[in-house]
Amino acid sequence: AMLAPTSAFATTAPCARSATRAAPRRASVAARASATPNASTNVPVTSATVVDRRAFVRNAALVAFTAAVTTPREAKAFLGFGENKEEKYTAETTAIIAQVKATLEMAPGAEGREESINQTRQMTNAWVAKYRRDNKTTGKPSYGQVYSALNAVSGHFNNFGTKYPFPAKRKDRVFAEFESAELLLSRGR
């Protein structure tokens, strides 16, 4: 460690000299620092770049605020007037139950059975695709009953084809699930 100088001249003179010498050096260092390129973009940092960044941050904050405040709304048919989702679910579920019941009541060799089975498959696929991802619908007991019955019917026709008869025990179980689902639908569940 160096000892501090004891004379007043030694402490004041070098400071005065270094102050006069340091002023131009500090100015040149500041000029070089403002002209040095940014390490990530190799673009000199200027006051215009800072303003652009500020504008970007301001615009990003405005976009984030707008996105947070506005919430998506349910689309209606025309100017907010449209069919209620609950009523539509009930109508479509009742229609598919009637279609499957009519198909299962047909005798194995009856005319139009294959067309009825194909229509049942299409309606089943459309119903499942529409309501499977809707959390309000999948939580309903009627959905579970209908989905289980449709799964049993579709599984039978996919594995055994349209010509093989539907087993009586499975048919009774499917009809029982449909009756339970119809009761739940009438209660809005």
N, C-alpha and C. Protein backbone atom coordinates (compact mmCIF):
# COMPACT_ATOMS: atom_id res chain seq x y z
N ALA A 1 0.84 -1.18 0.00
CA ALA A 1 0.00 0.00 0.00
C ALA A 1 0.88 1.22 0.00
N MET A 2 0.45 2.24 -0.71
CA MET A 2 1.23 3.48 -0.80
C MET A 2 0.82 4.40 0.33
N LEU A 3 1.80 5.13 0.79
CA LEU A 3 1.53 6.10 1.84
C LEU A 3 1.01 7.38 1.23
N ALA A 4 0.16 8.05 1.92
CA ALA A 4 -0.40 9.31 1.43
C ALA A 4 0.67 10.38 1.50
N PRO A 5 0.74 11.25 0.51
CA PRO A 5 1.75 12.32 0.55
C PRO A 5 1.46 13.31 1.68
N THR A 6 2.53 13.84 2.24
CA THR A 6 2.38 14.69 3.40
C THR A 6 2.30 16.14 3.04
N SER A 7 2.79 16.55 1.93
CA SER A 7 2.78 17.98 1.63
C SER A 7 1.48 18.35 0.92
N ALA A 8 1.08 19.58 1.08
CA ALA A 8 -0.15 20.06 0.46
C ALA A 8 0.02 20.18 -1.03
N PHE A 9 1.25 20.52 -1.48
CA PHE A 9 1.49 20.66 -2.90
C PHE A 9 1.34 19.33 -3.62
N ALA A 10 1.80 18.27 -2.99
CA ALA A 10 1.75 16.95 -3.61
C ALA A 10 0.31 16.49 -3.79
N THR A 11 -0.57 16.88 -2.90
CA THR A 11 -1.95 16.42 -3.02
C THR A 11 -2.77 17.30 -3.94
N THR A 12 -2.49 18.59 -4.02
CA THR A 12 -3.32 19.45 -4.83
C THR A 12 -2.84 19.53 -6.26
N ALA A 13 -1.58 19.57 -6.49
CA ALA A 13 -1.08 19.75 -7.85
C ALA A 13 -1.44 18.57 -8.75
N PRO A 14 -1.17 17.35 -8.35
CA PRO A 14 -1.52 16.26 -9.27
C PRO A 14 -3.04 16.20 -9.51
N CYS A 15 -3.83 16.56 -8.53
CA CYS A 15 -5.29 16.51 -8.72
C CYS A 15 -5.71 17.57 -9.71
N ALA A 16 -5.14 18.72 -9.61
CA ALA A 16 -5.50 19.79 -10.53
C ALA A 16 -5.08 19.40 -11.94
N ARG A 17 -3.85 18.84 -12.07
CA ARG A 17 -3.38 18.43 -13.39
C ARG A 17 -4.25 17.30 -13.94
N SER A 18 -4.57 16.33 -13.10
CA SER A 18 -5.35 15.19 -13.59
C SER A 18 -6.77 15.63 -13.94
N ALA A 19 -7.28 16.66 -13.25
CA ALA A 19 -8.62 17.13 -13.56
C ALA A 19 -8.64 17.77 -14.93
N THR A 20 -7.59 18.53 -15.26
CA THR A 20 -7.56 19.17 -16.58
C THR A 20 -7.31 18.14 -17.66
N ARG A 21 -6.52 17.15 -17.38
CA ARG A 21 -6.25 16.11 -18.37
C ARG A 21 -7.44 15.16 -18.51
N ALA A 22 -8.15 14.92 -17.43
CA ALA A 22 -9.21 13.92 -17.44
C ALA A 22 -10.46 14.43 -18.16
N ALA A 23 -10.68 15.73 -18.14
CA ALA A 23 -11.89 16.26 -18.77
C ALA A 23 -11.97 15.89 -20.25
N PRO A 24 -10.93 16.11 -21.05
CA PRO A 24 -11.05 15.71 -22.45
C PRO A 24 -11.16 14.19 -22.59
N ARG A 25 -10.47 13.44 -21.73
CA ARG A 25 -10.52 11.99 -21.79
C ARG A 25 -11.93 11.48 -21.49
N ARG A 26 -12.57 12.05 -20.49
CA ARG A 26 -13.93 11.63 -20.13
C ARG A 26 -14.90 11.92 -21.28
N ALA A 27 -14.75 13.04 -21.92
CA ALA A 27 -15.64 13.40 -23.02
C ALA A 27 -15.45 12.43 -24.18
N SER A 28 -14.20 12.05 -24.45
CA SER A 28 -13.98 11.13 -25.57
C SER A 28 -14.49 9.73 -25.23
N VAL A 29 -14.38 9.32 -23.97
CA VAL A 29 -14.90 8.02 -23.56
C VAL A 29 -16.42 8.01 -23.69
N ALA A 30 -17.06 9.10 -23.29
CA ALA A 30 -18.52 9.20 -23.40
C ALA A 30 -18.94 9.17 -24.87
N ALA A 31 -18.17 9.85 -25.73
CA ALA A 31 -18.50 9.85 -27.17
C ALA A 31 -18.34 8.45 -27.74
N ARG A 32 -17.25 7.75 -27.34
CA ARG A 32 -17.05 6.39 -27.83
C ARG A 32 -18.13 5.45 -27.31
N ALA A 33 -18.58 5.61 -26.07
CA ALA A 33 -19.60 4.74 -25.49
C ALA A 33 -20.94 4.92 -26.20
N SER A 34 -21.24 6.17 -26.58
CA SER A 34 -22.52 6.39 -27.26
C SER A 34 -22.47 5.92 -28.70
N ALA A 35 -21.28 5.81 -29.28
CA ALA A 35 -21.17 5.38 -30.67
C ALA A 35 -20.86 3.89 -30.79
N THR A 36 -20.64 3.22 -29.67
CA THR A 36 -20.34 1.79 -29.77
C THR A 36 -21.59 1.03 -30.14
N PRO A 37 -21.45 0.02 -30.96
CA PRO A 37 -22.64 -0.73 -31.38
C PRO A 37 -23.17 -1.59 -30.25
N ASN A 38 -24.44 -1.86 -30.31
CA ASN A 38 -25.09 -2.77 -29.37
C ASN A 38 -24.58 -4.17 -29.67
N ALA A 39 -24.27 -4.95 -28.65
CA ALA A 39 -23.67 -6.26 -28.85
C ALA A 39 -24.61 -7.23 -29.57
N SER A 40 -25.91 -7.14 -29.36
CA SER A 40 -26.82 -8.11 -29.95
C SER A 40 -27.23 -7.75 -31.37
N THR A 41 -27.24 -6.45 -31.73
CA THR A 41 -27.74 -6.07 -33.06
C THR A 41 -26.70 -5.40 -33.92
N ASN A 42 -25.52 -5.04 -33.38
CA ASN A 42 -24.47 -4.34 -34.11
C ASN A 42 -24.97 -3.02 -34.70
N VAL A 43 -25.89 -2.37 -34.00
CA VAL A 43 -26.42 -1.08 -34.41
C VAL A 43 -25.99 -0.08 -33.37
N PRO A 44 -25.46 1.06 -33.80
CA PRO A 44 -25.06 2.07 -32.81
C PRO A 44 -26.26 2.51 -31.98
N VAL A 45 -26.01 2.68 -30.69
CA VAL A 45 -27.06 3.10 -29.78
C VAL A 45 -27.17 4.61 -29.86
N THR A 46 -28.33 5.10 -30.22
CA THR A 46 -28.57 6.54 -30.31
C THR A 46 -29.83 6.87 -29.55
N SER A 47 -30.11 8.15 -29.43
CA SER A 47 -31.33 8.54 -28.73
C SER A 47 -32.57 8.14 -29.53
N ALA A 48 -32.48 8.07 -30.87
CA ALA A 48 -33.62 7.64 -31.69
C ALA A 48 -33.95 6.17 -31.43
N THR A 49 -32.92 5.34 -31.18
CA THR A 49 -33.15 3.94 -30.88
C THR A 49 -33.89 3.80 -29.57
N VAL A 50 -33.54 4.60 -28.59
CA VAL A 50 -34.19 4.55 -27.29
C VAL A 50 -35.65 4.96 -27.42
N VAL A 51 -35.93 5.98 -28.21
CA VAL A 51 -37.30 6.43 -28.41
C VAL A 51 -38.10 5.33 -29.09
N ASP A 52 -37.51 4.65 -30.08
CA ASP A 52 -38.21 3.57 -30.75
C ASP A 52 -38.50 2.43 -29.78
N ARG A 53 -37.58 2.16 -28.92
CA ARG A 53 -37.81 1.11 -27.92
C ARG A 53 -38.94 1.51 -26.98
N ARG A 54 -38.93 2.76 -26.59
CA ARG A 54 -39.99 3.24 -25.71
C ARG A 54 -41.35 3.14 -26.40
N ALA A 55 -41.38 3.51 -27.66
CA ALA A 55 -42.64 3.42 -28.40
C ALA A 55 -43.08 1.96 -28.53
N PHE A 56 -42.11 1.08 -28.75
CA PHE A 56 -42.43 -0.34 -28.85
C PHE A 56 -43.01 -0.86 -27.54
N VAL A 57 -42.37 -0.53 -26.43
CA VAL A 57 -42.85 -0.98 -25.13
C VAL A 57 -44.23 -0.41 -24.84
N ARG A 58 -44.42 0.87 -25.18
CA ARG A 58 -45.73 1.49 -24.97
C ARG A 58 -46.80 0.79 -25.80
N ASN A 59 -46.50 0.53 -27.06
CA ASN A 59 -47.47 -0.15 -27.92
C ASN A 59 -47.73 -1.58 -27.46
N ALA A 60 -46.69 -2.27 -27.03
CA ALA A 60 -46.87 -3.65 -26.53
C ALA A 60 -47.74 -3.66 -25.28
N ALA A 61 -47.54 -2.68 -24.40
CA ALA A 61 -48.36 -2.60 -23.19
C ALA A 61 -49.81 -2.29 -23.55
N LEU A 62 -50.01 -1.44 -24.54
CA LEU A 62 -51.37 -1.11 -24.98
C LEU A 62 -52.07 -2.34 -25.56
N VAL A 63 -51.35 -3.12 -26.37
CA VAL A 63 -51.92 -4.32 -26.96
C VAL A 63 -52.25 -5.35 -25.86
N ALA A 64 -51.35 -5.52 -24.91
CA ALA A 64 -51.59 -6.47 -23.82
C ALA A 64 -52.79 -6.04 -22.98
N PHE A 65 -52.90 -4.76 -22.70
CA PHE A 65 -54.03 -4.26 -21.93
C PHE A 65 -55.34 -4.46 -22.69
N THR A 66 -55.34 -4.16 -23.97
CA THR A 66 -56.54 -4.34 -24.79
C THR A 66 -56.96 -5.80 -24.83
N ALA A 67 -56.00 -6.69 -24.99
CA ALA A 67 -56.30 -8.12 -25.02
C ALA A 67 -56.85 -8.61 -23.69
N ALA A 68 -56.35 -8.06 -22.60
CA ALA A 68 -56.81 -8.48 -21.28
C ALA A 68 -58.21 -7.95 -20.98
N VAL A 69 -58.52 -6.76 -21.45
CA VAL A 69 -59.80 -6.15 -21.14
C VAL A 69 -60.93 -6.73 -21.99
N THR A 70 -60.67 -6.91 -23.27
CA THR A 70 -61.72 -7.44 -24.14
C THR A 70 -61.77 -8.95 -24.01
N THR A 71 -62.97 -9.47 -23.83
CA THR A 71 -63.15 -10.91 -23.71
C THR A 71 -63.96 -11.39 -24.89
N PRO A 72 -63.65 -12.59 -25.39
CA PRO A 72 -64.43 -13.08 -26.52
C PRO A 72 -65.85 -13.41 -26.09
N ARG A 73 -66.77 -13.15 -26.97
CA ARG A 73 -68.17 -13.41 -26.68
C ARG A 73 -68.67 -14.53 -27.57
N GLU A 74 -69.71 -15.15 -27.13
CA GLU A 74 -70.32 -16.23 -27.89
C GLU A 74 -70.96 -15.65 -29.15
N ALA A 75 -70.69 -16.28 -30.29
CA ALA A 75 -71.25 -15.81 -31.55
C ALA A 75 -72.72 -16.17 -31.63
N LYS A 76 -73.51 -15.24 -32.02
CA LYS A 76 -74.94 -15.47 -32.21
C LYS A 76 -75.24 -15.39 -33.71
N ALA A 77 -76.43 -15.82 -34.07
CA ALA A 77 -76.79 -15.88 -35.48
C ALA A 77 -76.81 -14.50 -36.12
N PHE A 78 -77.54 -13.57 -35.56
CA PHE A 78 -77.65 -12.25 -36.16
C PHE A 78 -77.87 -11.22 -35.07
N LEU A 79 -76.94 -10.30 -34.94
CA LEU A 79 -77.03 -9.20 -33.97
C LEU A 79 -77.34 -9.67 -32.55
N GLY A 80 -76.77 -10.80 -32.18
CA GLY A 80 -76.96 -11.28 -30.82
C GLY A 80 -78.18 -12.15 -30.63
N PHE A 81 -78.98 -12.30 -31.66
CA PHE A 81 -80.17 -13.14 -31.55
C PHE A 81 -79.84 -14.49 -32.18
N GLY A 82 -80.00 -15.53 -31.44
CA GLY A 82 -79.71 -16.84 -31.98
C GLY A 82 -80.28 -17.91 -31.07
N GLU A 83 -80.01 -19.13 -31.47
CA GLU A 83 -80.53 -20.26 -30.72
C GLU A 83 -79.70 -20.49 -29.46
N ASN A 84 -80.35 -20.85 -28.41
CA ASN A 84 -79.71 -21.15 -27.15
C ASN A 84 -78.92 -22.46 -27.28
N LYS A 85 -77.71 -22.50 -26.73
CA LYS A 85 -76.89 -23.71 -26.82
C LYS A 85 -77.54 -24.90 -26.12
N GLU A 86 -78.17 -24.65 -25.00
CA GLU A 86 -78.82 -25.72 -24.25
C GLU A 86 -79.97 -26.33 -25.05
N GLU A 87 -80.76 -25.47 -25.67
CA GLU A 87 -81.89 -25.96 -26.48
C GLU A 87 -81.39 -26.74 -27.69
N LYS A 88 -80.32 -26.24 -28.29
CA LYS A 88 -79.76 -26.92 -29.46
C LYS A 88 -79.20 -28.29 -29.07
N TYR A 89 -78.50 -28.35 -27.93
CA TYR A 89 -77.97 -29.64 -27.45
C TYR A 89 -79.11 -30.62 -27.19
N THR A 90 -80.17 -30.15 -26.55
CA THR A 90 -81.31 -31.03 -26.25
C THR A 90 -81.95 -31.53 -27.54
N ALA A 91 -82.14 -30.64 -28.51
CA ALA A 91 -82.78 -31.03 -29.77
C ALA A 91 -81.92 -32.03 -30.54
N GLU A 92 -80.62 -31.76 -30.64
CA GLU A 92 -79.74 -32.67 -31.39
C GLU A 92 -79.58 -34.01 -30.68
N THR A 93 -79.53 -34.00 -29.38
CA THR A 93 -79.39 -35.25 -28.63
C THR A 93 -80.67 -36.08 -28.74
N THR A 94 -81.82 -35.44 -28.67
CA THR A 94 -83.08 -36.15 -28.84
C THR A 94 -83.19 -36.73 -30.24
N ALA A 95 -82.74 -36.00 -31.24
CA ALA A 95 -82.79 -36.48 -32.62
C ALA A 95 -81.89 -37.70 -32.82
N ILE A 96 -80.71 -37.68 -32.25
CA ILE A 96 -79.81 -38.83 -32.43
C ILE A 96 -80.31 -40.04 -31.66
N ILE A 97 -80.94 -39.82 -30.52
CA ILE A 97 -81.52 -40.94 -29.77
C ILE A 97 -82.63 -41.59 -30.59
N ALA A 98 -83.49 -40.77 -31.21
CA ALA A 98 -84.57 -41.31 -32.04
C ALA A 98 -84.02 -42.06 -33.25
N GLN A 99 -82.96 -41.54 -33.86
CA GLN A 99 -82.37 -42.19 -35.02
C GLN A 99 -81.78 -43.55 -34.65
N VAL A 100 -81.06 -43.62 -33.55
CA VAL A 100 -80.44 -44.88 -33.14
C VAL A 100 -81.51 -45.89 -32.74
N LYS A 101 -82.54 -45.45 -32.04
CA LYS A 101 -83.62 -46.36 -31.66
C LYS A 101 -84.30 -46.93 -32.90
N ALA A 102 -84.58 -46.07 -33.88
CA ALA A 102 -85.23 -46.54 -35.11
C ALA A 102 -84.33 -47.52 -35.86
N THR A 103 -83.03 -47.28 -35.87
CA THR A 103 -82.10 -48.18 -36.55
C THR A 103 -82.03 -49.51 -35.84
N LEU A 104 -81.98 -49.51 -34.53
CA LEU A 104 -81.86 -50.78 -33.79
C LEU A 104 -83.16 -51.58 -33.83
N GLU A 105 -84.29 -50.93 -34.05
CA GLU A 105 -85.57 -51.64 -34.14
C GLU A 105 -85.74 -52.37 -35.47
N MET A 106 -84.95 -52.00 -36.47
CA MET A 106 -85.07 -52.64 -37.79
C MET A 106 -84.56 -54.07 -37.73
N ALA A 107 -85.21 -54.93 -38.47
CA ALA A 107 -84.78 -56.33 -38.57
C ALA A 107 -83.48 -56.39 -39.39
N PRO A 108 -82.66 -57.43 -39.16
CA PRO A 108 -81.38 -57.51 -39.88
C PRO A 108 -81.50 -57.51 -41.40
N GLY A 109 -82.53 -58.02 -41.99
CA GLY A 109 -82.62 -58.04 -43.45
C GLY A 109 -83.54 -56.98 -44.02
N ALA A 110 -83.98 -56.03 -43.22
CA ALA A 110 -84.96 -55.03 -43.67
C ALA A 110 -84.35 -54.08 -44.69
N GLU A 111 -85.22 -53.61 -45.60
CA GLU A 111 -84.77 -52.65 -46.60
C GLU A 111 -84.48 -51.30 -45.93
N GLY A 112 -83.42 -50.66 -46.38
CA GLY A 112 -83.05 -49.36 -45.84
C GLY A 112 -82.26 -49.42 -44.55
N ARG A 113 -81.96 -50.62 -44.07
CA ARG A 113 -81.24 -50.75 -42.80
C ARG A 113 -79.82 -50.22 -42.95
N GLU A 114 -79.15 -50.59 -44.05
CA GLU A 114 -77.76 -50.14 -44.24
C GLU A 114 -77.69 -48.62 -44.35
N GLU A 115 -78.64 -48.02 -45.07
CA GLU A 115 -78.67 -46.56 -45.18
C GLU A 115 -78.93 -45.91 -43.82
N SER A 116 -79.82 -46.54 -43.05
CA SER A 116 -80.10 -46.03 -41.71
C SER A 116 -78.87 -46.14 -40.82
N ILE A 117 -78.14 -47.26 -40.96
CA ILE A 117 -76.90 -47.42 -40.15
C ILE A 117 -75.87 -46.38 -40.56
N ASN A 118 -75.73 -46.14 -41.86
CA ASN A 118 -74.77 -45.14 -42.33
C ASN A 118 -75.16 -43.74 -41.85
N GLN A 119 -76.45 -43.44 -41.87
CA GLN A 119 -76.90 -42.14 -41.36
C GLN A 119 -76.65 -42.03 -39.85
N THR A 120 -76.86 -43.15 -39.14
CA THR A 120 -76.58 -43.16 -37.70
C THR A 120 -75.11 -42.91 -37.43
N ARG A 121 -74.24 -43.53 -38.22
CA ARG A 121 -72.79 -43.30 -38.06
C ARG A 121 -72.44 -41.84 -38.28
N GLN A 122 -72.98 -41.24 -39.34
CA GLN A 122 -72.68 -39.84 -39.63
C GLN A 122 -73.20 -38.93 -38.52
N MET A 123 -74.41 -39.18 -38.08
CA MET A 123 -74.97 -38.35 -37.00
C MET A 123 -74.17 -38.52 -35.70
N THR A 124 -73.75 -39.76 -35.42
CA THR A 124 -72.96 -40.03 -34.22
C THR A 124 -71.63 -39.29 -34.28
N ASN A 125 -70.94 -39.39 -35.41
CA ASN A 125 -69.64 -38.71 -35.55
C ASN A 125 -69.80 -37.19 -35.42
N ALA A 126 -70.84 -36.64 -36.02
CA ALA A 126 -71.06 -35.20 -35.94
C ALA A 126 -71.40 -34.78 -34.50
N TRP A 127 -72.25 -35.55 -33.82
CA TRP A 127 -72.64 -35.22 -32.45
C TRP A 127 -71.44 -35.28 -31.51
N VAL A 128 -70.66 -36.35 -31.64
CA VAL A 128 -69.49 -36.50 -30.76
C VAL A 128 -68.47 -35.41 -31.05
N ALA A 129 -68.21 -35.13 -32.32
CA ALA A 129 -67.23 -34.09 -32.67
C ALA A 129 -67.67 -32.72 -32.17
N LYS A 130 -68.95 -32.47 -32.17
CA LYS A 130 -69.45 -31.16 -31.75
C LYS A 130 -69.40 -30.97 -30.24
N TYR A 131 -69.77 -32.00 -29.49
CA TYR A 131 -69.95 -31.83 -28.05
C TYR A 131 -68.82 -32.40 -27.20
N ARG A 132 -67.87 -33.10 -27.77
CA ARG A 132 -66.81 -33.73 -26.97
C ARG A 132 -65.93 -32.70 -26.28
N ARG A 133 -65.62 -31.60 -26.94
CA ARG A 133 -64.68 -30.62 -26.38
C ARG A 133 -65.37 -29.47 -25.65
N ASP A 134 -66.69 -29.53 -25.53
CA ASP A 134 -67.43 -28.49 -24.84
C ASP A 134 -67.57 -28.89 -23.37
N ASN A 135 -66.86 -28.18 -22.50
CA ASN A 135 -66.85 -28.54 -21.07
C ASN A 135 -68.21 -28.41 -20.42
N LYS A 136 -69.04 -27.49 -20.89
CA LYS A 136 -70.37 -27.34 -20.31
C LYS A 136 -71.25 -28.55 -20.62
N THR A 137 -70.99 -29.18 -21.76
CA THR A 137 -71.80 -30.32 -22.18
C THR A 137 -71.27 -31.62 -21.61
N THR A 138 -69.97 -31.80 -21.62
CA THR A 138 -69.40 -33.08 -21.19
C THR A 138 -69.63 -33.36 -19.71
N GLY A 139 -69.88 -32.34 -18.94
CA GLY A 139 -70.14 -32.54 -17.52
C GLY A 139 -71.57 -32.97 -17.21
N LYS A 140 -72.41 -32.96 -18.21
CA LYS A 140 -73.81 -33.32 -17.98
C LYS A 140 -73.98 -34.83 -17.90
N PRO A 141 -74.84 -35.31 -17.03
CA PRO A 141 -75.09 -36.75 -16.97
C PRO A 141 -75.72 -37.30 -18.25
N SER A 142 -76.55 -36.50 -18.90
CA SER A 142 -77.17 -36.97 -20.15
C SER A 142 -76.12 -37.20 -21.23
N TYR A 143 -75.09 -36.35 -21.27
CA TYR A 143 -74.01 -36.54 -22.24
C TYR A 143 -73.32 -37.88 -22.01
N GLY A 144 -73.01 -38.19 -20.78
CA GLY A 144 -72.34 -39.45 -20.47
C GLY A 144 -73.17 -40.66 -20.87
N GLN A 145 -74.47 -40.60 -20.61
CA GLN A 145 -75.36 -41.70 -20.97
C GLN A 145 -75.42 -41.89 -22.48
N VAL A 146 -75.63 -40.80 -23.21
CA VAL A 146 -75.76 -40.88 -24.66
C VAL A 146 -74.43 -41.29 -25.29
N TYR A 147 -73.34 -40.73 -24.81
CA TYR A 147 -72.03 -41.06 -25.36
C TYR A 147 -71.73 -42.55 -25.17
N SER A 148 -72.03 -43.08 -24.01
CA SER A 148 -71.79 -44.50 -23.74
C SER A 148 -72.62 -45.38 -24.67
N ALA A 149 -73.89 -45.03 -24.86
CA ALA A 149 -74.75 -45.81 -25.74
C ALA A 149 -74.29 -45.71 -27.19
N LEU A 150 -73.95 -44.52 -27.64
CA LEU A 150 -73.47 -44.35 -29.01
C LEU A 150 -72.16 -45.09 -29.24
N ASN A 151 -71.32 -45.12 -28.24
CA ASN A 151 -70.06 -45.85 -28.34
C ASN A 151 -70.32 -47.35 -28.50
N ALA A 152 -71.28 -47.88 -27.77
CA ALA A 152 -71.61 -49.31 -27.88
C ALA A 152 -72.18 -49.62 -29.27
N VAL A 153 -73.06 -48.78 -29.77
CA VAL A 153 -73.67 -49.00 -31.09
C VAL A 153 -72.62 -48.89 -32.18
N SER A 154 -71.81 -47.84 -32.14
CA SER A 154 -70.77 -47.66 -33.16
C SER A 154 -69.75 -48.78 -33.12
N GLY A 155 -69.38 -49.19 -31.91
CA GLY A 155 -68.42 -50.30 -31.79
C GLY A 155 -68.95 -51.58 -32.40
N HIS A 156 -70.22 -51.86 -32.19
CA HIS A 156 -70.82 -53.07 -32.77
C HIS A 156 -70.77 -53.01 -34.30
N PHE A 157 -71.23 -51.91 -34.87
CA PHE A 157 -71.28 -51.82 -36.33
C PHE A 157 -69.89 -51.74 -36.95
N ASN A 158 -68.93 -51.17 -36.26
CA ASN A 158 -67.55 -51.12 -36.78
C ASN A 158 -66.90 -52.50 -36.76
N ASN A 159 -67.20 -53.29 -35.74
CA ASN A 159 -66.56 -54.61 -35.63
C ASN A 159 -67.28 -55.69 -36.43
N PHE A 160 -68.61 -55.66 -36.43
CA PHE A 160 -69.36 -56.76 -37.04
C PHE A 160 -70.02 -56.38 -38.36
N GLY A 161 -70.00 -55.13 -38.75
CA GLY A 161 -70.60 -54.71 -40.00
C GLY A 161 -72.09 -54.47 -39.86
N THR A 162 -72.73 -54.21 -40.98
CA THR A 162 -74.14 -53.84 -40.97
C THR A 162 -75.06 -55.05 -41.06
N LYS A 163 -74.56 -56.20 -41.45
CA LYS A 163 -75.42 -57.37 -41.66
C LYS A 163 -75.62 -58.21 -40.39
N TYR A 164 -74.72 -58.13 -39.46
CA TYR A 164 -74.81 -58.93 -38.24
C TYR A 164 -75.81 -58.29 -37.29
N PRO A 165 -76.71 -59.07 -36.67
CA PRO A 165 -77.74 -58.48 -35.79
C PRO A 165 -77.13 -57.93 -34.49
N PHE A 166 -77.78 -56.92 -33.98
CA PHE A 166 -77.37 -56.29 -32.73
C PHE A 166 -77.83 -57.20 -31.58
N PRO A 167 -76.94 -57.60 -30.65
CA PRO A 167 -77.32 -58.52 -29.56
C PRO A 167 -78.42 -57.93 -28.67
N ALA A 168 -79.32 -58.79 -28.20
CA ALA A 168 -80.48 -58.36 -27.42
C ALA A 168 -80.07 -57.73 -26.08
N LYS A 169 -79.08 -58.32 -25.39
CA LYS A 169 -78.65 -57.77 -24.09
C LYS A 169 -78.04 -56.37 -24.28
N ARG A 170 -77.25 -56.22 -25.31
CA ARG A 170 -76.64 -54.91 -25.57
C ARG A 170 -77.72 -53.90 -25.97
N LYS A 171 -78.69 -54.36 -26.74
CA LYS A 171 -79.78 -53.49 -27.16
C LYS A 171 -80.58 -53.01 -25.95
N ASP A 172 -80.86 -53.93 -25.02
CA ASP A 172 -81.60 -53.55 -23.81
C ASP A 172 -80.81 -52.52 -22.99
N ARG A 173 -79.50 -52.72 -22.90
CA ARG A 173 -78.67 -51.78 -22.14
C ARG A 173 -78.64 -50.41 -22.81
N VAL A 174 -78.51 -50.39 -24.14
CA VAL A 174 -78.49 -49.12 -24.88
C VAL A 174 -79.82 -48.40 -24.72
N PHE A 175 -80.93 -49.13 -24.82
CA PHE A 175 -82.24 -48.50 -24.67
C PHE A 175 -82.43 -47.97 -23.25
N ALA A 176 -81.92 -48.67 -22.25
CA ALA A 176 -82.01 -48.20 -20.86
C ALA A 176 -81.21 -46.91 -20.69
N GLU A 177 -80.03 -46.85 -21.29
CA GLU A 177 -79.21 -45.63 -21.21
C GLU A 177 -79.91 -44.47 -21.92
N PHE A 178 -80.55 -44.76 -23.06
CA PHE A 178 -81.28 -43.71 -23.76
C PHE A 178 -82.47 -43.20 -22.95
N GLU A 179 -83.19 -44.10 -22.29
CA GLU A 179 -84.32 -43.68 -21.45
C GLU A 179 -83.84 -42.80 -20.30
N SER A 180 -82.73 -43.20 -19.70
CA SER A 180 -82.16 -42.40 -18.62
C SER A 180 -81.72 -41.03 -19.14
N ALA A 181 -81.12 -41.01 -20.32
CA ALA A 181 -80.67 -39.74 -20.91
C ALA A 181 -81.85 -38.85 -21.25
N GLU A 182 -82.93 -39.43 -21.77
CA GLU A 182 -84.12 -38.63 -22.09
C GLU A 182 -84.73 -38.02 -20.83
N LEU A 183 -84.73 -38.78 -19.75
CA LEU A 183 -85.23 -38.26 -18.48
C LEU A 183 -84.34 -37.10 -18.00
N LEU A 184 -83.03 -37.27 -18.11
CA LEU A 184 -82.11 -36.21 -17.70
C LEU A 184 -82.25 -34.98 -18.60
N LEU A 185 -82.45 -35.20 -19.89
CA LEU A 185 -82.64 -34.07 -20.80
C LEU A 185 -83.91 -33.28 -20.46
N SER A 186 -84.95 -34.00 -20.08
CA SER A 186 -86.20 -33.31 -19.72
C SER A 186 -86.03 -32.46 -18.47
N ARG A 187 -85.06 -32.80 -17.66
CA ARG A 187 -84.77 -32.02 -16.43
C ARG A 187 -83.69 -30.96 -16.66
N GLY A 188 -83.18 -30.89 -17.89
CA GLY A 188 -82.15 -29.91 -18.20
C GLY A 188 -80.77 -30.32 -17.77
N ARG A 189 -80.62 -31.60 -17.56
CA ARG A 189 -79.32 -32.11 -17.14
C ARG A 189 -78.76 -32.94 -18.23
